Amino acid sequence: METAAELRRSGTLRVDLYPDIAKKMDRIFKYVDQRHAKFIAILGTDEVTAGTVTVRNVGTKTKETMPGTQAVSFIQSALRDRDPST
C-alpha cells in the first residue's frame, strides 16, 4: 500500500491496487489488459523482504526489479521514452 501511495503522490501516475494475491497471475494480467495499464508493480514476499519492487512493462513483457524508491522515476522515464511528447 505504501508503494501505491508513493506512486500516486507523483501526481502523474494512475494507480490501481489488485490486492487479491490468491488469484492466478493470468487473471491479474487480464485485469491489467482491461484497464489498459502500461506497467504493473509487483510486490510479492521477496520484494517486500528486500525493500524492492518488480516493475513489468505490459507492452514488452519485460520486467526489472529495483529499490522501491526508484519505481516512480523508472516508470515516468519509461513513459517519456515511449511518448516523447509528454
C-alpha atoms as a PDB file:
ATOM      1  CA  MET A   1       0.000   0.000   0.000  1.00  0.00           C
ATOM      2  CA  GLU A   2       2.900   2.363   0.713  1.00  0.00           C
ATOM      3  CA  THR A   3       4.245   1.892  -2.797  1.00  0.00           C
ATOM      4  CA  ALA A   4       0.831   2.684  -4.296  1.00  0.00           C
ATOM      5  CA  ALA A   5       0.649   5.857  -2.208  1.00  0.00           C
ATOM      6  CA  GLU A   6       4.133   6.886  -3.329  1.00  0.00           C
ATOM      7  CA  LEU A   7       3.253   6.304  -6.983  1.00  0.00           C
ATOM      8  CA  ARG A   8       0.073   8.370  -6.578  1.00  0.00           C
ATOM      9  CA  ARG A   9       1.979  11.220  -4.912  1.00  0.00           C
ATOM     10  CA  SER A  10       3.993  11.599  -8.102  1.00  0.00           C
ATOM     11  CA  GLY A  11       0.910  13.350  -9.492  1.00  0.00           C
ATOM     12  CA  THR A  12       1.417  11.867 -12.943  1.00  0.00           C
ATOM     13  CA  LEU A  13       0.624   8.195 -12.480  1.00  0.00           C
ATOM     14  CA  ARG A  14      -2.744   6.486 -12.107  1.00  0.00           C
ATOM     15  CA  VAL A  15      -2.582   3.599  -9.676  1.00  0.00           C
ATOM     16  CA  ASP A  16      -4.958   0.699  -9.087  1.00  0.00           C
ATOM     17  CA  LEU A  17      -4.477  -1.971  -6.444  1.00  0.00           C
ATOM     18  CA  TYR A  18      -5.158  -5.613  -7.079  1.00  0.00           C
ATOM     19  CA  PRO A  19      -4.651  -6.941  -3.562  1.00  0.00           C
ATOM     20  CA  ASP A  20      -6.138 -10.415  -4.061  1.00  0.00           C
ATOM     21  CA  ILE A  21      -2.851 -12.284  -4.301  1.00  0.00           C
ATOM     22  CA  ALA A  22      -4.658 -15.614  -4.165  1.00  0.00           C
ATOM     23  CA  LYS A  23      -5.723 -15.069  -7.790  1.00  0.00           C
ATOM     24  CA  LYS A  24      -3.679 -16.635 -10.532  1.00  0.00           C
ATOM     25  CA  MET A  25      -1.366 -14.285 -12.395  1.00  0.00           C
ATOM     26  CA  ASP A  26      -3.241 -14.832 -15.675  1.00  0.00           C
ATOM     27  CA  ARG A  27      -6.347 -13.314 -14.071  1.00  0.00           C
ATOM     28  CA  ILE A  28      -4.320 -10.367 -12.875  1.00  0.00           C
ATOM     29  CA  PHE A  29      -2.884  -9.819 -16.368  1.00  0.00           C
ATOM     30  CA  LYS A  30      -6.410  -9.987 -17.817  1.00  0.00           C
ATOM     31  CA  TYR A  31      -7.470  -7.278 -15.345  1.00  0.00           C
ATOM     32  CA  VAL A  32      -4.446  -5.193 -16.345  1.00  0.00           C
ATOM     33  CA  ASP A  33      -5.359  -5.558 -20.024  1.00  0.00           C
ATOM     34  CA  GLN A  34      -8.906  -4.401 -19.324  1.00  0.00           C
ATOM     35  CA  ARG A  35      -7.544  -1.320 -17.534  1.00  0.00           C
ATOM     36  CA  HIS A  36      -5.112  -0.602 -20.425  1.00  0.00           C
ATOM     37  CA  ALA A  37      -2.258  -0.373 -17.938  1.00  0.00           C
ATOM     38  CA  LYS A  38       1.237   0.147 -19.285  1.00  0.00           C
ATOM     39  CA  PHE A  39       3.076  -1.163 -16.222  1.00  0.00           C
ATOM     40  CA  ILE A  40       2.499  -3.485 -13.286  1.00  0.00           C
ATOM     41  CA  ALA A  41       4.312  -3.024  -9.981  1.00  0.00           C
ATOM     42  CA  ILE A  42       4.638  -6.416  -8.315  1.00  0.00           C
ATOM     43  CA  LEU A  43       5.255  -6.644  -4.592  1.00  0.00           C
ATOM     44  CA  GLY A  44       5.482 -10.252  -3.529  1.00  0.00           C
ATOM     45  CA  THR A  45       7.002 -11.624  -0.357  1.00  0.00           C
ATOM     46  CA  ASP A  46      10.529 -11.488  -1.795  1.00  0.00           C
ATOM     47  CA  GLU A  47      10.149  -7.845  -2.835  1.00  0.00           C
ATOM     48  CA  VAL A  48       8.705  -6.772   0.499  1.00  0.00           C
ATOM     49  CA  THR A  49      11.522  -8.523   2.380  1.00  0.00           C
ATOM     50  CA  ALA A  50      14.181  -6.933   0.171  1.00  0.00           C
ATOM     51  CA  GLY A  51      12.555  -3.474   0.007  1.00  0.00           C
ATOM     52  CA  THR A  52      12.295  -3.723  -3.760  1.00  0.00           C
ATOM     53  CA  VAL A  53       9.564  -3.625  -6.383  1.00  0.00           C
ATOM     54  CA  THR A  54       9.391  -5.505  -9.668  1.00  0.00           C
ATOM     55  CA  VAL A  55       8.044  -3.357 -12.492  1.00  0.00           C
ATOM     56  CA  ARG A  56       6.718  -5.192 -15.520  1.00  0.00           C
ATOM     57  CA  ASN A  57       6.255  -3.404 -18.836  1.00  0.00           C
ATOM     58  CA  VAL A  58       2.982  -4.818 -20.148  1.00  0.00           C
ATOM     59  CA  GLY A  59       3.763  -3.988 -23.776  1.00  0.00           C
ATOM     60  CA  THR A  60       7.211  -5.536 -23.976  1.00  0.00           C
ATOM     61  CA  LYS A  61       6.621  -8.157 -21.262  1.00  0.00           C
ATOM     62  CA  THR A  62       9.951  -7.264 -19.707  1.00  0.00           C
ATOM     63  CA  LYS A  63      10.449  -6.775 -16.004  1.00  0.00           C
ATOM     64  CA  GLU A  64      13.010  -5.140 -13.792  1.00  0.00           C
ATOM     65  CA  THR A  65      13.477  -5.279 -10.035  1.00  0.00           C
ATOM     66  CA  MET A  66      14.664  -2.119  -8.309  1.00  0.00           C
ATOM     67  CA  PRO A  67      14.648  -0.410  -4.925  1.00  0.00           C
ATOM     68  CA  GLY A  68      11.125   0.729  -4.124  1.00  0.00           C
ATOM     69  CA  THR A  69      12.250   4.347  -4.042  1.00  0.00           C
ATOM     70  CA  GLN A  70      13.175   4.202  -7.737  1.00  0.00           C
ATOM     71  CA  ALA A  71       9.832   2.908  -9.065  1.00  0.00           C
ATOM     72  CA  VAL A  72       8.265   6.326  -9.699  1.00  0.00           C
ATOM     73  CA  SER A  73      11.220   7.723 -11.654  1.00  0.00           C
ATOM     74  CA  PHE A  74      11.656   4.453 -13.549  1.00  0.00           C
ATOM     75  CA  ILE A  75       8.026   4.369 -14.725  1.00  0.00           C
ATOM     76  CA  GLN A  76       7.960   8.086 -15.547  1.00  0.00           C
ATOM     77  CA  SER A  77      11.161   7.755 -17.571  1.00  0.00           C
ATOM     78  CA  ALA A  78       9.832   4.709 -19.431  1.00  0.00           C
ATOM     79  CA  LEU A  79       6.613   6.568 -20.253  1.00  0.00           C
ATOM     80  CA  ARG A  80       8.597   9.567 -21.564  1.00  0.00           C
ATOM     81  CA  ASP A  81      10.718   7.253 -23.703  1.00  0.00           C
ATOM     82  CA  ARG A  82       7.525   5.721 -25.087  1.00  0.00           C
ATOM     83  CA  ASP A  83       5.884   9.055 -25.858  1.00  0.00           C
ATOM     84  CA  PRO A  84       8.394  11.921 -26.149  1.00  0.00           C
ATOM     85  CA  SER A  85       5.579  14.485 -26.386  1.00  0.00           C
ATOM     86  CA  THR A  86       4.886  14.124 -22.621  1.00  0.00           C
END
